[in-house]
PDB file of N, CA and C in Angstrom:
ATOM      1  N   MET A   1      18.681  -1.104  10.717  1.00  0.00           N
ATOM      2  CA  MET A   1      18.529  -1.522   9.343  1.00  0.00           C
ATOM      3  C   MET A   1      17.094  -1.245   8.902  1.00  0.00           C
ATOM      4  N   ARG A   2      16.942  -0.540   7.812  1.00  0.00           N
ATOM      5  CA  ARG A   2      15.624  -0.202   7.279  1.00  0.00           C
ATOM      6  C   ARG A   2      15.175  -1.292   6.312  1.00  0.00           C
ATOM      7  N   ASP A   3      13.925  -1.679   6.448  1.00  0.00           N
ATOM      8  CA  ASP A   3      13.370  -2.696   5.566  1.00  0.00           C
ATOM      9  C   ASP A   3      13.094  -2.073   4.193  1.00  0.00           C
ATOM     10  N   ARG A   4      13.673  -2.663   3.160  1.00  0.00           N
ATOM     11  CA  ARG A   4      13.513  -2.116   1.810  1.00  0.00           C
ATOM     12  C   ARG A   4      12.073  -2.195   1.318  1.00  0.00           C
ATOM     13  N   SER A   5      11.355  -3.177   1.769  1.00  0.00           N
ATOM     14  CA  SER A   5       9.962  -3.316   1.346  1.00  0.00           C
ATOM     15  C   SER A   5       9.099  -2.172   1.865  1.00  0.00           C
ATOM     16  N   ALA A   6       9.520  -1.545   2.956  1.00  0.00           N
ATOM     17  CA  ALA A   6       8.756  -0.418   3.493  1.00  0.00           C
ATOM     18  C   ALA A   6       8.782   0.747   2.519  1.00  0.00           C
ATOM     19  N   THR A   7       9.933   1.030   1.966  1.00  0.00           N
ATOM     20  CA  THR A   7      10.038   2.107   0.980  1.00  0.00           C
ATOM     21  C   THR A   7       9.272   1.750  -0.285  1.00  0.00           C
ATOM     22  N   ARG A   8       9.380   0.512  -0.700  1.00  0.00           N
ATOM     23  CA  ARG A   8       8.638   0.051  -1.878  1.00  0.00           C
ATOM     24  C   ARG A   8       7.136   0.187  -1.649  1.00  0.00           C
ATOM     25  N   ALA A   9       6.673  -0.179  -0.457  1.00  0.00           N
ATOM     26  CA  ALA A   9       5.250  -0.067  -0.136  1.00  0.00           C
ATOM     27  C   ALA A   9       4.801   1.388  -0.151  1.00  0.00           C
ATOM     28  N   LEU A  10       5.633   2.272   0.365  1.00  0.00           N
ATOM     29  CA  LEU A  10       5.285   3.688   0.381  1.00  0.00           C
ATOM     30  C   LEU A  10       5.163   4.238  -1.038  1.00  0.00           C
ATOM     31  N   VAL A  11       6.118   3.932  -1.879  1.00  0.00           N
ATOM     32  CA  VAL A  11       6.085   4.413  -3.263  1.00  0.00           C
ATOM     33  C   VAL A  11       4.876   3.833  -4.000  1.00  0.00           C
ATOM     34  N   LEU A  12       4.644   2.546  -3.848  1.00  0.00           N
ATOM     35  CA  LEU A  12       3.487   1.935  -4.513  1.00  0.00           C
ATOM     36  C   LEU A  12       2.172   2.480  -3.964  1.00  0.00           C
ATOM     37  N   GLY A  13       2.128   2.729  -2.653  1.00  0.00           N
ATOM     38  CA  GLY A  13       0.917   3.286  -2.057  1.00  0.00           C
ATOM     39  C   GLY A  13       0.608   4.674  -2.573  1.00  0.00           C
ATOM     40  N   LEU A  14       1.645   5.489  -2.748  1.00  0.00           N
ATOM     41  CA  LEU A  14       1.427   6.827  -3.297  1.00  0.00           C
ATOM     42  C   LEU A  14       1.025   6.765  -4.765  1.00  0.00           C
ATOM     43  N   LEU A  15       1.609   5.841  -5.500  1.00  0.00           N
ATOM     44  CA  LEU A  15       1.243   5.684  -6.908  1.00  0.00           C
ATOM     45  C   LEU A  15      -0.135   5.051  -7.080  1.00  0.00           C
ATOM     46  N   ALA A  16      -0.592   4.322  -6.069  1.00  0.00           N
ATOM     47  CA  ALA A  16      -1.898   3.673  -6.155  1.00  0.00           C
ATOM     48  C   ALA A  16      -3.046   4.672  -6.049  1.00  0.00           C
ATOM     49  N   LEU A  17      -2.775   5.845  -5.499  1.00  0.00           N
ATOM     50  CA  LEU A  17      -3.847   6.833  -5.372  1.00  0.00           C
ATOM     51  C   LEU A  17      -4.322   7.320  -6.751  1.00  0.00           C
ATOM     52  N   PRO A  18      -3.434   7.760  -7.644  1.00  0.00           N
ATOM     53  CA  PRO A  18      -3.934   8.126  -8.975  1.00  0.00           C
ATOM     54  C   PRO A  18      -4.078   6.927  -9.921  1.00  0.00           C
ATOM     55  N   PHE A  19      -3.322   5.885  -9.669  1.00  0.00           N
ATOM     56  CA  PHE A  19      -3.350   4.697 -10.530  1.00  0.00           C
ATOM     57  C   PHE A  19      -3.765   3.495  -9.683  1.00  0.00           C
ATOM     58  N   GLY A  20      -5.055   3.300  -9.537  1.00  0.00           N
ATOM     59  CA  GLY A  20      -5.589   2.278  -8.643  1.00  0.00           C
ATOM     60  C   GLY A  20      -5.181   0.859  -8.981  1.00  0.00           C
ATOM     61  N   ILE A  21      -4.725   0.628 -10.194  1.00  0.00           N
ATOM     62  CA  ILE A  21      -4.329  -0.720 -10.603  1.00  0.00           C
ATOM     63  C   ILE A  21      -3.119  -1.198  -9.800  1.00  0.00           C
ATOM     64  N   LEU A  22      -2.368  -0.281  -9.200  1.00  0.00           N
ATOM     65  CA  LEU A  22      -1.200  -0.640  -8.396  1.00  0.00           C
ATOM     66  C   LEU A  22      -1.556  -0.972  -6.945  1.00  0.00           C
ATOM     67  N   SER A  23      -2.813  -0.835  -6.590  1.00  0.00           N
ATOM     68  CA  SER A  23      -3.249  -1.057  -5.207  1.00  0.00           C
ATOM     69  C   SER A  23      -2.913  -2.442  -4.654  1.00  0.00           C
ATOM     70  N   PRO A  24      -3.176  -3.519  -5.387  1.00  0.00           N
ATOM     71  CA  PRO A  24      -2.843  -4.838  -4.826  1.00  0.00           C
ATOM     72  C   PRO A  24      -1.356  -4.992  -4.523  1.00  0.00           C
ATOM     73  N   PHE A  25      -0.509  -4.390  -5.351  1.00  0.00           N
ATOM     74  CA  PHE A  25       0.932  -4.475  -5.120  1.00  0.00           C
ATOM     75  C   PHE A  25       1.336  -3.692  -3.880  1.00  0.00           C
ATOM     76  N   ALA A  26       0.718  -2.538  -3.663  1.00  0.00           N
ATOM     77  CA  ALA A  26       1.007  -1.733  -2.479  1.00  0.00           C
ATOM     78  C   ALA A  26       0.536  -2.443  -1.216  1.00  0.00           C
ATOM     79  N   ILE A  27      -0.622  -3.053  -1.289  1.00  0.00           N
ATOM     80  CA  ILE A  27      -1.158  -3.772  -0.132  1.00  0.00           C
ATOM     81  C   ILE A  27      -0.260  -4.960   0.200  1.00  0.00           C
ATOM     82  N   PHE A  28       0.154  -5.697  -0.821  1.00  0.00           N
ATOM     83  CA  PHE A  28       1.028  -6.848  -0.611  1.00  0.00           C
ATOM     84  C   PHE A  28       2.371  -6.418  -0.035  1.00  0.00           C
ATOM     85  N   ALA A  29       2.976  -5.375  -0.604  1.00  0.00           N
ATOM     86  CA  ALA A  29       4.281  -4.921  -0.131  1.00  0.00           C
ATOM     87  C   ALA A  29       4.195  -4.378   1.287  1.00  0.00           C
ATOM     88  N   GLY A  30       3.146  -3.633   1.601  1.00  0.00           N
ATOM     89  CA  GLY A  30       2.981  -3.088   2.946  1.00  0.00           C
ATOM     90  C   GLY A  30       2.770  -4.166   3.991  1.00  0.00           C
ATOM     91  N   THR A  31       1.934  -5.131   3.672  1.00  0.00           N
ATOM     92  CA  THR A  31       1.675  -6.229   4.607  1.00  0.00           C
ATOM     93  C   THR A  31       2.926  -7.066   4.826  1.00  0.00           C
ATOM     94  N   ARG A  32       3.605  -7.368   3.751  1.00  0.00           N
ATOM     95  CA  ARG A  32       4.834  -8.174   3.850  1.00  0.00           C
ATOM     96  C   ARG A  32       5.904  -7.443   4.662  1.00  0.00           C
ATOM     97  N   SER A  33       6.037  -6.160   4.420  1.00  0.00           N
ATOM     98  CA  SER A  33       7.029  -5.372   5.135  1.00  0.00           C
ATOM     99  C   SER A  33       6.709  -5.297   6.622  1.00  0.00           C
ATOM    100  N   LEU A  34       5.453  -5.068   6.957  1.00  0.00           N
ATOM    101  CA  LEU A  34       5.078  -5.003   8.376  1.00  0.00           C
ATOM    102  C   LEU A  34       5.343  -6.336   9.082  1.00  0.00           C
ATOM    103  N   ARG A  35       5.077  -7.433   8.406  1.00  0.00           N
ATOM    104  CA  ARG A  35       5.354  -8.746   9.001  1.00  0.00           C
ATOM    105  C   ARG A  35       6.850  -8.944   9.232  1.00  0.00           C
ATOM    106  N   ARG A  36       7.656  -8.549   8.248  1.00  0.00           N
ATOM    107  CA  ARG A  36       9.109  -8.710   8.387  1.00  0.00           C
ATOM    108  C   ARG A  36       9.671  -7.819   9.483  1.00  0.00           C
ATOM    109  N   ILE A  37       9.143  -6.605   9.613  1.00  0.00           N
ATOM    110  CA  ILE A  37       9.616  -5.688  10.653  1.00  0.00           C
ATOM    111  C   ILE A  37       9.262  -6.232  12.029  1.00  0.00           C
ATOM    112  N   ARG A  38       8.053  -6.717  12.181  1.00  0.00           N
ATOM    113  CA  ARG A  38       7.643  -7.275  13.482  1.00  0.00           C
ATOM    114  C   ARG A  38       8.433  -8.529  13.830  1.00  0.00           C
ATOM    115  N   ALA A  39       8.753  -9.330  12.824  1.00  0.00           N
ATOM    116  CA  ALA A  39       9.501 -10.567  13.068  1.00  0.00           C
ATOM    117  C   ALA A  39      10.971 -10.310  13.358  1.00  0.00           C
ATOM    118  N   SER A  40      11.467  -9.121  13.028  1.00  0.00           N
ATOM    119  CA  SER A  40      12.888  -8.838  13.232  1.00  0.00           C
ATOM    120  C   SER A  40      13.233  -8.558  14.683  1.00  0.00           C
ATOM    121  N   GLY A  41      12.241  -8.387  15.521  1.00  0.00           N
ATOM    122  CA  GLY A  41      12.509  -8.144  16.937  1.00  0.00           C
ATOM    123  C   GLY A  41      13.098  -6.768  17.216  1.00  0.00           C
ATOM    124  N   GLY A  42      12.733  -5.771  16.431  1.00  0.00           N
ATOM    125  CA  GLY A  42      13.204  -4.419  16.655  1.00  0.00           C
ATOM    126  C   GLY A  42      14.455  -4.046  15.876  1.00  0.00           C
ATOM    127  N   ARG A  43      15.018  -4.979  15.140  1.00  0.00           N
ATOM    128  CA  ARG A  43      16.230  -4.668  14.368  1.00  0.00           C
ATOM    129  C   ARG A  43      15.911  -3.898  13.094  1.00  0.00           C
ATOM    130  N   ALA A  44      14.754  -4.132  12.498  1.00  0.00           N
ATOM    131  CA  ALA A  44      14.379  -3.454  11.258  1.00  0.00           C
ATOM    132  C   ALA A  44      13.446  -2.286  11.578  1.00  0.00           C
ATOM    133  N   THR A  45      13.578  -1.225  10.791  1.00  0.00           N
ATOM    134  CA  THR A  45      12.723  -0.051  10.957  1.00  0.00           C
ATOM    135  C   THR A  45      11.926   0.167   9.678  1.00  0.00           C
ATOM    136  N   GLY A  46      11.030   1.143   9.727  1.00  0.00           N
ATOM    137  CA  GLY A  46      10.233   1.474   8.553  1.00  0.00           C
ATOM    138  C   GLY A  46       8.755   1.188   8.726  1.00  0.00           C
ATOM    139  N   VAL A  47       8.309   1.093   9.969  1.00  0.00           N
ATOM    140  CA  VAL A  47       6.903   0.774  10.219  1.00  0.00           C
ATOM    141  C   VAL A  47       5.989   1.855   9.644  1.00  0.00           C
ATOM    142  N   PHE A  48       6.367   3.122   9.832  1.00  0.00           N
ATOM    143  CA  PHE A  48       5.522   4.213   9.350  1.00  0.00           C
ATOM    144  C   PHE A  48       5.392   4.173   7.830  1.00  0.00           C
ATOM    145  N   SER A  49       6.485   3.966   7.131  1.00  0.00           N
ATOM    146  CA  SER A  49       6.449   3.909   5.670  1.00  0.00           C
ATOM    147  C   SER A  49       5.611   2.734   5.186  1.00  0.00           C
ATOM    148  N   ALA A  50       5.788   1.587   5.822  1.00  0.00           N
ATOM    149  CA  ALA A  50       5.026   0.399   5.432  1.00  0.00           C
ATOM    150  C   ALA A  50       3.538   0.591   5.686  1.00  0.00           C
ATOM    151  N   ALA A  51       3.200   1.160   6.835  1.00  0.00           N
ATOM    152  CA  ALA A  51       1.793   1.379   7.169  1.00  0.00           C
ATOM    153  C   ALA A  51       1.167   2.423   6.250  1.00  0.00           C
ATOM    154  N   LEU A  52       1.920   3.459   5.933  1.00  0.00           N
ATOM    155  CA  LEU A  52       1.413   4.484   5.033  1.00  0.00           C
ATOM    156  C   LEU A  52       1.222   3.924   3.622  1.00  0.00           C
ATOM    157  N   GLY A  53       2.129   3.086   3.184  1.00  0.00           N
ATOM    158  CA  GLY A  53       1.980   2.432   1.885  1.00  0.00           C
ATOM    159  C   GLY A  53       0.784   1.506   1.846  1.00  0.00           C
ATOM    160  N   LEU A  54       0.584   0.773   2.931  1.00  0.00           N
ATOM    161  CA  LEU A  54      -0.581  -0.113   3.031  1.00  0.00           C
ATOM    162  C   LEU A  54      -1.873   0.703   2.990  1.00  0.00           C
ATOM    163  N   ALA A  55      -1.908   1.803   3.737  1.00  0.00           N
ATOM    164  CA  ALA A  55      -3.094   2.662   3.750  1.00  0.00           C
ATOM    165  C   ALA A  55      -3.345   3.272   2.373  1.00  0.00           C
ATOM    166  N   GLY A  56      -2.282   3.690   1.694  1.00  0.00           N
ATOM    167  CA  GLY A  56      -2.432   4.233   0.345  1.00  0.00           C
ATOM    168  C   GLY A  56      -2.955   3.192  -0.625  1.00  0.00           C
ATOM    169  N   GLY A  57      -2.495   1.956  -0.473  1.00  0.00           N
ATOM    170  CA  GLY A  57      -2.989   0.878  -1.321  1.00  0.00           C
ATOM    171  C   GLY A  57      -4.459   0.587  -1.094  1.00  0.00           C
ATOM    172  N   VAL A  58      -4.862   0.576   0.155  1.00  0.00           N
ATOM    173  CA  VAL A  58      -6.278   0.327   0.475  1.00  0.00           C
ATOM    174  C   VAL A  58      -7.139   1.477  -0.042  1.00  0.00           C
ATOM    175  N   LEU A  59      -6.679   2.707   0.178  1.00  0.00           N
ATOM    176  CA  LEU A  59      -7.439   3.861  -0.302  1.00  0.00           C
ATOM    177  C   LEU A  59      -7.505   3.873  -1.835  1.00  0.00           C
ATOM    178  N   GLY A  60      -6.417   3.532  -2.478  1.00  0.00           N
ATOM    179  CA  GLY A  60      -6.417   3.451  -3.937  1.00  0.00           C
ATOM    180  C   GLY A  60      -7.385   2.402  -4.452  1.00  0.00           C
ATOM    181  N   ALA A  61      -7.457   1.266  -3.759  1.00  0.00           N
ATOM    182  CA  ALA A  61      -8.400   0.220  -4.159  1.00  0.00           C
ATOM    183  C   ALA A  61      -9.845   0.681  -3.978  1.00  0.00           C
ATOM    184  N   VAL A  62     -10.112   1.375  -2.882  1.00  0.00           N
ATOM    185  CA  VAL A  62     -11.462   1.889  -2.636  1.00  0.00           C
ATOM    186  C   VAL A  62     -11.840   2.905  -3.712  1.00  0.00           C
ATOM    187  N   LEU A  63     -10.907   3.793  -4.047  1.00  0.00           N
ATOM    188  CA  LEU A  63     -11.181   4.786  -5.089  1.00  0.00           C
ATOM    189  C   LEU A  63     -11.380   4.128  -6.454  1.00  0.00           C
ATOM    190  N   LEU A  64     -10.607   3.106  -6.738  1.00  0.00           N
ATOM    191  CA  LEU A  64     -10.750   2.396  -8.010  1.00  0.00           C
ATOM    192  C   LEU A  64     -12.119   1.731  -8.111  1.00  0.00           C
ATOM    193  N   VAL A  65     -12.501   1.008  -7.077  1.00  0.00           N
ATOM    194  CA  VAL A  65     -13.805   0.325  -7.093  1.00  0.00           C
ATOM    195  C   VAL A  65     -14.936   1.352  -7.126  1.00  0.00           C
ATOM    196  N   GLY A  66     -14.800   2.425  -6.343  1.00  0.00           N
ATOM    197  CA  GLY A  66     -15.818   3.475  -6.349  1.00  0.00           C
ATOM    198  C   GLY A  66     -15.940   4.138  -7.709  1.00  0.00           C
ATOM    199  N   GLY A  67     -14.817   4.368  -8.360  1.00  0.00           N
ATOM    200  CA  GLY A  67     -14.845   4.962  -9.697  1.00  0.00           C
ATOM    201  C   GLY A  67     -15.493   4.054 -10.713  1.00  0.00           C
ATOM    202  N   ILE A  68     -15.214   2.767 -10.618  1.00  0.00           N
ATOM    203  CA  ILE A  68     -15.827   1.807 -11.546  1.00  0.00           C
ATOM    204  C   ILE A  68     -17.337   1.744 -11.323  1.00  0.00           C
ATOM    205  N   VAL A  69     -17.750   1.703 -10.058  1.00  0.00           N
ATOM    206  CA  VAL A  69     -19.191   1.677  -9.754  1.00  0.00           C
ATOM    207  C   VAL A  69     -19.855   2.945 -10.251  1.00  0.00           C
ATOM    208  N   PHE A  70     -19.225   4.093 -10.017  1.00  0.00           N
ATOM    209  CA  PHE A  70     -19.779   5.363 -10.481  1.00  0.00           C
ATOM    210  C   PHE A  70     -19.894   5.394 -11.997  1.00  0.00           C
ATOM    211  N   TRP A  71     -18.858   4.905 -12.671  1.00  0.00           N
ATOM    212  CA  TRP A  71     -18.861   4.890 -14.131  1.00  0.00           C
ATOM    213  C   TRP A  71     -20.005   4.041 -14.678  1.00  0.00           C
ATOM    214  N   PHE A  72     -20.219   2.856 -14.067  1.00  0.00           N
ATOM    215  CA  PHE A  72     -21.326   2.017 -14.510  1.00  0.00           C
ATOM    216  C   PHE A  72     -22.674   2.630 -14.157  1.00  0.00           C
ATOM    217  N   ALA A  73     -22.736   3.355 -13.066  1.00  0.00           N
ATOM    218  CA  ALA A  73     -24.006   3.954 -12.646  1.00  0.00           C
ATOM    219  C   ALA A  73     -24.448   5.077 -13.562  1.00  0.00           C
ATOM    220  N   ILE A  74     -23.502   5.842 -14.094  1.00  0.00           N
ATOM    221  CA  ILE A  74     -23.902   6.981 -14.932  1.00  0.00           C
ATOM    222  C   ILE A  74     -24.031   6.607 -16.401  1.00  0.00           C
ATOM    223  N   SER A  75     -23.568   5.415 -16.773  1.00  0.00           N
ATOM    224  CA  SER A  75     -23.664   5.065 -18.192  1.00  0.00           C
ATOM    225  C   SER A  75     -24.864   4.196 -18.495  1.00  0.00           C
TER     226      SER A  75
END
């Protein structure tokens, strides 16, 4: 059984790269999915998708904060 939150985390993580405002949602979905997969005792799958979504969310947040800092620095 595949965890649905893993797919949601992956999609949000990919969308968080160009649209950093979605980063908190990707991070939340990825973390929640990884916890549910680990708690299932091997019955649920989707670790790679959840981890990739979490990583995309974190990277999107870093890019968002970096862009905001850069914008304030040049103005």
